[in-house]
Every structure is written in structure tokens, then in C-alpha cells.
């Protein structure tokens, strides 16, 4: 748990691949006033419908490794052969201005954020209703090979073992109720942290 050190709050959402964290985050951003999405860097290929600078900052591996060497990332990890990282400068400057941020990252990244004491954060872990449902969602989205799905399911089992490290756990069974629960968490934390900031 990070100690208060800035005006804004960093809300972190993590979940196993295929649980629906990106969908939940997108809906939360449309419902909660003055909540901004952080844009992470990645070396993975851009997918259909994604936009550089909006969904991710898409960079090549050489540039990413250079940013690691320059200490640009608050957290970074290699996941399924691709690098992902979050810019420390981007987060700290926005929080200092009083903006609340929403960061969608994996479990490794969330652990790095929790260890950072320069700002205030709250972490939320989304769980699938079951491993069977998670497999169904991974197959249904049509983005991964059978081998990739197998690896993601194995990874998910390990990630769920860290769920108690998070401030909150939410089962993403019905999307509407999941979004409402996450929204309520954010609004309640705002109220506790600084007497509320609108909804």
C-alpha cells in the first residue's frame, strides 16, 4: 500500500489475460469524471482497432530497452514475449496536478507499483468466474493460438494466487455489475482520500 504523496490517486486494475480488464476499464473511464487512462509502452504488434498513443505507445524493442536503461519506467515486464512498461514521468506529473489515473497492467506490474512510495495508489484485481469461463473467453475472442491460450491459462492460475496482494477483488461475472462495483470502489476511495471529487 502506497502512502499519500500527491494530490491524485493511481487506480490499478489487473487481471489474468482474457478476464475483461480492458473492457471494464473503458467503461469506467466513460462513467467517472476526471479519471484519465495511462498509456503504457509496449513492443507487441498493434491489433486491429487500436491506435498508437491511445491504446499503447507502440515502440520497437531497441527503444524499449533504451528506456529501461534510462530509468523511464515505474514498472516494466516481459509478458508472452513482448515488453510492457509504464512511464514514471507521465504518472507523476498527472498525479501532481490532481488528476486521478487508471492503469491497466499485469500482476507483475501491479507489484512494482505497490512498492513505489512516491504516490498514492489503490489496486483492484479482476477474477474470472471460473477457469472454464476464462478459457471460453480466450477462445471466443479469436486472437490467440491454442498454444497461446494454454500458456495464458497456466499464467492465469499463477496470477490468481496473488489476488490477496490487492486492495480489492472483483469477480467479473456480469459486466454491468462488475463495472458498477469498480466505480463504487473508485468513488469511495476518493471520498476517503480527499473528501470526494465528483462522480
C-alpha atoms as a PDB file:
ATOM      1  CA  UNK A   1       0.000   0.000   0.000  1.00  0.00           C
ATOM      2  CA  UNK A   2       1.440   3.327  -1.068  1.00  0.00           C
ATOM      3  CA  UNK A   3       1.479   6.320   1.232  1.00  0.00           C
ATOM      4  CA  UNK A   4      -0.188   9.564   0.160  1.00  0.00           C
ATOM      5  CA  UNK A   5       2.390  11.704  -1.595  1.00  0.00           C
ATOM      6  CA  UNK A   6       0.445  13.536  -4.272  1.00  0.00           C
ATOM      7  CA  UNK A   7      -2.941  15.042  -4.957  1.00  0.00           C
ATOM      8  CA  UNK A   8      -4.155  12.398  -7.373  1.00  0.00           C
ATOM      9  CA  UNK A   9      -4.838   8.697  -6.885  1.00  0.00           C
ATOM     10  CA  UNK A  10      -3.475   5.972  -9.156  1.00  0.00           C
ATOM     11  CA  UNK A  11      -6.077   3.219  -9.549  1.00  0.00           C
ATOM     12  CA  UNK A  12      -4.594  -0.030 -10.834  1.00  0.00           C
ATOM     13  CA  UNK A  13      -6.641  -2.783 -12.474  1.00  0.00           C
ATOM     14  CA  UNK A  14      -5.005  -6.166 -13.006  1.00  0.00           C
ATOM     15  CA  UNK A  15      -6.418  -9.477 -14.158  1.00  0.00           C
ATOM     16  CA  UNK A  16      -5.439 -12.632 -15.998  1.00  0.00           C
ATOM     17  CA  UNK A  17      -5.445 -12.300 -19.779  1.00  0.00           C
ATOM     18  CA  UNK A  18      -8.994 -12.670 -21.122  1.00  0.00           C
ATOM     19  CA  UNK A  19     -10.754 -11.671 -17.905  1.00  0.00           C
ATOM     20  CA  UNK A  20     -12.030  -8.428 -19.428  1.00  0.00           C
ATOM     21  CA  UNK A  21      -9.919  -5.781 -17.713  1.00  0.00           C
ATOM     22  CA  UNK A  22      -9.652  -3.588 -20.824  1.00  0.00           C
ATOM     23  CA  UNK A  23     -13.417  -3.639 -21.383  1.00  0.00           C
ATOM     24  CA  UNK A  24     -14.102  -2.817 -17.731  1.00  0.00           C
ATOM     25  CA  UNK A  25     -11.541  -0.014 -17.745  1.00  0.00           C
ATOM     26  CA  UNK A  26     -13.002   1.542 -20.910  1.00  0.00           C
ATOM     27  CA  UNK A  27     -16.478   1.619 -19.371  1.00  0.00           C
ATOM     28  CA  UNK A  28     -15.173   3.033 -16.088  1.00  0.00           C
ATOM     29  CA  UNK A  29     -13.449   5.881 -17.923  1.00  0.00           C
ATOM     30  CA  UNK A  30     -16.760   6.859 -19.518  1.00  0.00           C
ATOM     31  CA  UNK A  31     -18.590   6.835 -16.168  1.00  0.00           C
ATOM     32  CA  UNK A  32     -16.187   8.553 -13.757  1.00  0.00           C
ATOM     33  CA  UNK A  33     -15.367  12.237 -14.123  1.00  0.00           C
ATOM     34  CA  UNK A  34     -11.713  13.349 -14.159  1.00  0.00           C
ATOM     35  CA  UNK A  35     -10.331   9.846 -14.372  1.00  0.00           C
ATOM     36  CA  UNK A  36      -7.667   9.504 -17.032  1.00  0.00           C
ATOM     37  CA  UNK A  37      -6.233   6.406 -18.637  1.00  0.00           C
ATOM     38  CA  UNK A  38      -2.491   5.981 -18.508  1.00  0.00           C
ATOM     39  CA  UNK A  39      -0.984   4.877 -21.807  1.00  0.00           C
ATOM     40  CA  UNK A  40       1.671   2.207 -21.408  1.00  0.00           C
ATOM     41  CA  UNK A  41       4.522   1.416 -23.794  1.00  0.00           C
ATOM     42  CA  UNK A  42       4.714  -1.974 -25.480  1.00  0.00           C
ATOM     43  CA  UNK A  43       6.739  -3.809 -28.108  1.00  0.00           C
ATOM     44  CA  UNK A  44       3.850  -6.007 -29.204  1.00  0.00           C
ATOM     45  CA  UNK A  45       2.253  -5.536 -32.608  1.00  0.00           C
ATOM     46  CA  UNK A  46      -0.702  -3.194 -32.875  1.00  0.00           C
ATOM     47  CA  UNK A  47      -4.054  -5.018 -33.177  1.00  0.00           C
ATOM     48  CA  UNK A  48      -6.984  -4.126 -35.402  1.00  0.00           C
ATOM     49  CA  UNK A  49      -8.901  -1.208 -33.936  1.00  0.00           C
ATOM     50  CA  UNK A  50      -6.037   0.000 -31.740  1.00  0.00           C
ATOM     51  CA  UNK A  51      -4.457   3.429 -32.066  1.00  0.00           C
ATOM     52  CA  UNK A  52      -0.876   4.372 -31.262  1.00  0.00           C
ATOM     53  CA  UNK A  53      -0.754   6.826 -28.372  1.00  0.00           C
ATOM     54  CA  UNK A  54      -4.296   5.963 -27.310  1.00  0.00           C
ATOM     55  CA  UNK A  55      -4.283   2.248 -26.524  1.00  0.00           C
ATOM     56  CA  UNK A  56      -0.492   1.964 -26.126  1.00  0.00           C
ATOM     57  CA  UNK A  57       2.677   3.708 -27.183  1.00  0.00           C
ATOM     58  CA  UNK A  58       3.909   1.094 -29.667  1.00  0.00           C
ATOM     59  CA  UNK A  59       7.720   1.046 -29.823  1.00  0.00           C
ATOM     60  CA  UNK A  60      10.367  -1.364 -31.036  1.00  0.00           C
ATOM     61  CA  UNK A  61      12.436  -3.471 -28.658  1.00  0.00           C
ATOM     62  CA  UNK A  62      15.566  -1.351 -29.065  1.00  0.00           C
ATOM     63  CA  UNK A  63      13.722   1.787 -27.963  1.00  0.00           C
ATOM     64  CA  UNK A  64      12.053  -0.015 -25.070  1.00  0.00           C
ATOM     65  CA  UNK A  65      15.323  -1.414 -23.747  1.00  0.00           C
ATOM     66  CA  UNK A  66      16.834   2.053 -24.030  1.00  0.00           C
ATOM     67  CA  UNK A  67      14.008   3.454 -21.893  1.00  0.00           C
ATOM     68  CA  UNK A  68      14.676   0.773 -19.287  1.00  0.00           C
ATOM     69  CA  UNK A  69      18.330   1.813 -19.211  1.00  0.00           C
ATOM     70  CA  UNK A  70      17.323   5.449 -18.773  1.00  0.00           C
ATOM     71  CA  UNK A  71      15.077   4.581 -15.827  1.00  0.00           C
ATOM     72  CA  UNK A  72      11.954   5.809 -17.598  1.00  0.00           C
ATOM     73  CA  UNK A  73       9.582   3.149 -16.293  1.00  0.00           C
ATOM     74  CA  UNK A  74       7.853   2.911 -12.938  1.00  0.00           C
ATOM     75  CA  UNK A  75       7.296  -0.741 -13.844  1.00  0.00           C
ATOM     76  CA  UNK A  76       8.008  -2.969 -16.794  1.00  0.00           C
ATOM     77  CA  UNK A  77       7.711  -6.627 -17.600  1.00  0.00           C
ATOM     78  CA  UNK A  78       8.111  -9.115 -20.396  1.00  0.00           C
ATOM     79  CA  UNK A  79       4.835 -10.964 -20.965  1.00  0.00           C
ATOM     80  CA  UNK A  80       4.327 -13.658 -23.611  1.00  0.00           C
ATOM     81  CA  UNK A  81       7.418 -12.461 -25.478  1.00  0.00           C
ATOM     82  CA  UNK A  82       6.535  -8.761 -25.505  1.00  0.00           C
ATOM     83  CA  UNK A  83       7.652  -5.902 -23.261  1.00  0.00           C
ATOM     84  CA  UNK A  84       5.219  -3.625 -21.426  1.00  0.00           C
ATOM     85  CA  UNK A  85       6.092  -0.597 -19.309  1.00  0.00           C
ATOM     86  CA  UNK A  86       4.571   2.458 -17.630  1.00  0.00           C
ATOM     87  CA  UNK A  87       6.251   5.870 -17.802  1.00  0.00           C
ATOM     88  CA  UNK A  88       7.073   7.230 -14.349  1.00  0.00           C
ATOM     89  CA  UNK A  89       7.192  10.807 -15.637  1.00  0.00           C
ATOM     90  CA  UNK A  90       3.729  10.602 -17.168  1.00  0.00           C
ATOM     91  CA  UNK A  91       2.175   9.229 -13.967  1.00  0.00           C
ATOM     92  CA  UNK A  92       3.907  11.534 -11.511  1.00  0.00           C
ATOM     93  CA  UNK A  93       3.195  14.721 -13.459  1.00  0.00           C
ATOM     94  CA  UNK A  94      -0.512  13.933 -13.835  1.00  0.00           C
ATOM     95  CA  UNK A  95      -0.941  12.971 -10.192  1.00  0.00           C
ATOM     96  CA  UNK A  96       0.862  16.119  -9.070  1.00  0.00           C
ATOM     97  CA  UNK A  97      -1.736  18.157 -10.962  1.00  0.00           C
ATOM     98  CA  UNK A  98      -4.506  16.424  -9.015  1.00  0.00           C
ATOM     99  CA  UNK A  99      -5.695  14.077 -11.749  1.00  0.00           C
ATOM    100  CA  UNK A 100      -6.776  10.551 -10.856  1.00  0.00           C
ATOM    101  CA  UNK A 101      -5.374   7.899 -13.188  1.00  0.00           C
ATOM    102  CA  UNK A 102      -6.463   4.429 -14.230  1.00  0.00           C
ATOM    103  CA  UNK A 103      -3.674   1.999 -15.058  1.00  0.00           C
ATOM    104  CA  UNK A 104      -4.360  -1.422 -16.573  1.00  0.00           C
ATOM    105  CA  UNK A 105      -1.366  -3.705 -16.078  1.00  0.00           C
ATOM    106  CA  UNK A 106      -0.451  -7.285 -15.283  1.00  0.00           C
ATOM    107  CA  UNK A 107       0.144  -8.711 -11.827  1.00  0.00           C
ATOM    108  CA  UNK A 108       3.931  -8.209 -12.025  1.00  0.00           C
ATOM    109  CA  UNK A 109       3.440  -4.548 -12.844  1.00  0.00           C
ATOM    110  CA  UNK A 110       0.965  -4.058 -10.014  1.00  0.00           C
ATOM    111  CA  UNK A 111       3.523  -5.428  -7.559  1.00  0.00           C
ATOM    112  CA  UNK A 112       6.051  -2.844  -8.774  1.00  0.00           C
ATOM    113  CA  UNK A 113       3.507  -0.042  -8.379  1.00  0.00           C
ATOM    114  CA  UNK A 114       2.700  -1.134  -4.815  1.00  0.00           C
ATOM    115  CA  UNK A 115       6.376  -0.914  -3.906  1.00  0.00           C
ATOM    116  CA  UNK A 116       6.565   2.717  -5.071  1.00  0.00           C
ATOM    117  CA  UNK A 117       6.086   5.196  -2.224  1.00  0.00           C
ATOM    118  CA  UNK A 118       6.099   8.441  -4.213  1.00  0.00           C
ATOM    119  CA  UNK A 119       2.338   8.477  -4.827  1.00  0.00           C
ATOM    120  CA  UNK A 120      -0.967   7.107  -3.530  1.00  0.00           C
ATOM    121  CA  UNK A 121      -2.388   4.024  -5.236  1.00  0.00           C
ATOM    122  CA  UNK A 122      -5.232   1.549  -4.896  1.00  0.00           C
ATOM    123  CA  UNK A 123      -5.139  -1.838  -6.637  1.00  0.00           C
ATOM    124  CA  UNK A 124      -8.087  -3.854  -7.943  1.00  0.00           C
ATOM    125  CA  UNK A 125      -7.852  -7.464  -9.103  1.00  0.00           C
ATOM    126  CA  UNK A 126     -10.473  -8.813 -11.517  1.00  0.00           C
ATOM    127  CA  UNK A 127     -11.132 -12.541 -11.382  1.00  0.00           C
ATOM    128  CA  UNK A 128     -12.931 -14.689 -13.956  1.00  0.00           C
ATOM    129  CA  UNK A 129     -15.996 -16.597 -12.679  1.00  0.00           C
ATOM    130  CA  UNK A 130     -14.074 -19.840 -13.302  1.00  0.00           C
ATOM    131  CA  UNK A 131     -11.130 -21.174 -15.273  1.00  0.00           C
ATOM    132  CA  UNK A 132     -13.585 -22.818 -17.672  1.00  0.00           C
ATOM    133  CA  UNK A 133     -15.202 -19.458 -18.384  1.00  0.00           C
ATOM    134  CA  UNK A 134     -11.793 -17.847 -18.836  1.00  0.00           C
ATOM    135  CA  UNK A 135     -10.864 -20.468 -21.429  1.00  0.00           C
ATOM    136  CA  UNK A 136     -14.171 -19.874 -23.227  1.00  0.00           C
ATOM    137  CA  UNK A 137     -13.482 -16.125 -23.375  1.00  0.00           C
ATOM    138  CA  UNK A 138      -9.937 -16.602 -24.654  1.00  0.00           C
ATOM    139  CA  UNK A 139     -11.125 -18.941 -27.405  1.00  0.00           C
ATOM    140  CA  UNK A 140     -14.056 -16.672 -28.235  1.00  0.00           C
ATOM    141  CA  UNK A 141     -12.023 -13.527 -28.819  1.00  0.00           C
ATOM    142  CA  UNK A 142     -10.141 -15.265 -31.630  1.00  0.00           C
ATOM    143  CA  UNK A 143      -6.782 -13.567 -31.028  1.00  0.00           C
ATOM    144  CA  UNK A 144      -4.674 -16.460 -29.773  1.00  0.00           C
ATOM    145  CA  UNK A 145      -3.440 -19.832 -30.990  1.00  0.00           C
ATOM    146  CA  UNK A 146      -4.273 -22.967 -28.973  1.00  0.00           C
ATOM    147  CA  UNK A 147      -0.702 -22.947 -27.605  1.00  0.00           C
ATOM    148  CA  UNK A 148      -1.002 -19.298 -26.599  1.00  0.00           C
ATOM    149  CA  UNK A 149      -4.317 -20.000 -24.875  1.00  0.00           C
ATOM    150  CA  UNK A 150      -2.734 -22.873 -22.953  1.00  0.00           C
ATOM    151  CA  UNK A 151       0.101 -20.595 -21.811  1.00  0.00           C
ATOM    152  CA  UNK A 152      -2.334 -17.853 -20.802  1.00  0.00           C
ATOM    153  CA  UNK A 153      -4.418 -20.273 -18.743  1.00  0.00           C
ATOM    154  CA  UNK A 154      -1.315 -21.566 -16.955  1.00  0.00           C
ATOM    155  CA  UNK A 155      -0.246 -17.984 -16.280  1.00  0.00           C
ATOM    156  CA  UNK A 156      -3.737 -17.100 -15.036  1.00  0.00           C
ATOM    157  CA  UNK A 157      -3.640 -19.849 -12.434  1.00  0.00           C
ATOM    158  CA  UNK A 158      -0.397 -18.423 -11.034  1.00  0.00           C
ATOM    159  CA  UNK A 159      -1.635 -14.823 -11.158  1.00  0.00           C
ATOM    160  CA  UNK A 160      -4.763 -15.641  -9.204  1.00  0.00           C
ATOM    161  CA  UNK A 161      -2.522 -16.882  -6.419  1.00  0.00           C
ATOM    162  CA  UNK A 162      -1.531 -13.229  -5.861  1.00  0.00           C
ATOM    163  CA  UNK A 163      -5.071 -11.858  -5.608  1.00  0.00           C
ATOM    164  CA  UNK A 164      -4.804 -11.282  -1.865  1.00  0.00           C
ATOM    165  CA  UNK A 165      -1.965  -8.819  -2.502  1.00  0.00           C
ATOM    166  CA  UNK A 166      -4.527  -6.390  -3.959  1.00  0.00           C
ATOM    167  CA  UNK A 167      -6.655  -3.883  -2.066  1.00  0.00           C
ATOM    168  CA  UNK A 168      -9.827  -5.122  -3.753  1.00  0.00           C
ATOM    169  CA  UNK A 169     -11.011  -8.256  -5.586  1.00  0.00           C
ATOM    170  CA  UNK A 170     -13.927  -8.209  -8.013  1.00  0.00           C
ATOM    171  CA  UNK A 171     -15.298 -11.222  -9.911  1.00  0.00           C
ATOM    172  CA  UNK A 172     -16.093 -10.237 -13.497  1.00  0.00           C
ATOM    173  CA  UNK A 173     -19.173 -12.375 -13.984  1.00  0.00           C
ATOM    174  CA  UNK A 174     -21.768  -9.890 -15.279  1.00  0.00           C
ATOM    175  CA  UNK A 175     -20.106  -6.907 -16.923  1.00  0.00           C
ATOM    176  CA  UNK A 176     -22.603  -4.268 -15.764  1.00  0.00           C
ATOM    177  CA  UNK A 177     -22.402  -5.232 -12.099  1.00  0.00           C
ATOM    178  CA  UNK A 178     -18.606  -5.519 -12.301  1.00  0.00           C
ATOM    179  CA  UNK A 179     -18.300  -2.003 -13.700  1.00  0.00           C
ATOM    180  CA  UNK A 180     -20.645  -0.658 -11.015  1.00  0.00           C
ATOM    181  CA  UNK A 181     -18.593  -2.304  -8.277  1.00  0.00           C
ATOM    182  CA  UNK A 182     -15.297  -0.927  -9.591  1.00  0.00           C
ATOM    183  CA  UNK A 183     -16.855   2.540  -9.993  1.00  0.00           C
ATOM    184  CA  UNK A 184     -18.085   2.425  -6.394  1.00  0.00           C
ATOM    185  CA  UNK A 185     -14.586   1.477  -5.204  1.00  0.00           C
ATOM    186  CA  UNK A 186     -13.086   4.468  -7.003  1.00  0.00           C
ATOM    187  CA  UNK A 187     -15.663   6.916  -5.668  1.00  0.00           C
ATOM    188  CA  UNK A 188     -15.326   5.589  -2.118  1.00  0.00           C
ATOM    189  CA  UNK A 189     -11.539   5.867  -2.236  1.00  0.00           C
ATOM    190  CA  UNK A 190     -11.806   9.434  -3.496  1.00  0.00           C
ATOM    191  CA  UNK A 191     -14.094  10.269  -0.612  1.00  0.00           C
ATOM    192  CA  UNK A 192     -11.699   8.784   1.936  1.00  0.00           C
ATOM    193  CA  UNK A 193      -8.603  10.289   0.364  1.00  0.00           C
ATOM    194  CA  UNK A 194      -9.708  13.877  -0.010  1.00  0.00           C
ATOM    195  CA  UNK A 195     -13.397  14.319   0.642  1.00  0.00           C
ATOM    196  CA  UNK A 196     -14.680  13.344  -2.789  1.00  0.00           C
ATOM    197  CA  UNK A 197     -14.135  14.697  -6.263  1.00  0.00           C
ATOM    198  CA  UNK A 198     -17.355  14.169  -8.137  1.00  0.00           C
ATOM    199  CA  UNK A 199     -18.689  11.155  -9.992  1.00  0.00           C
END
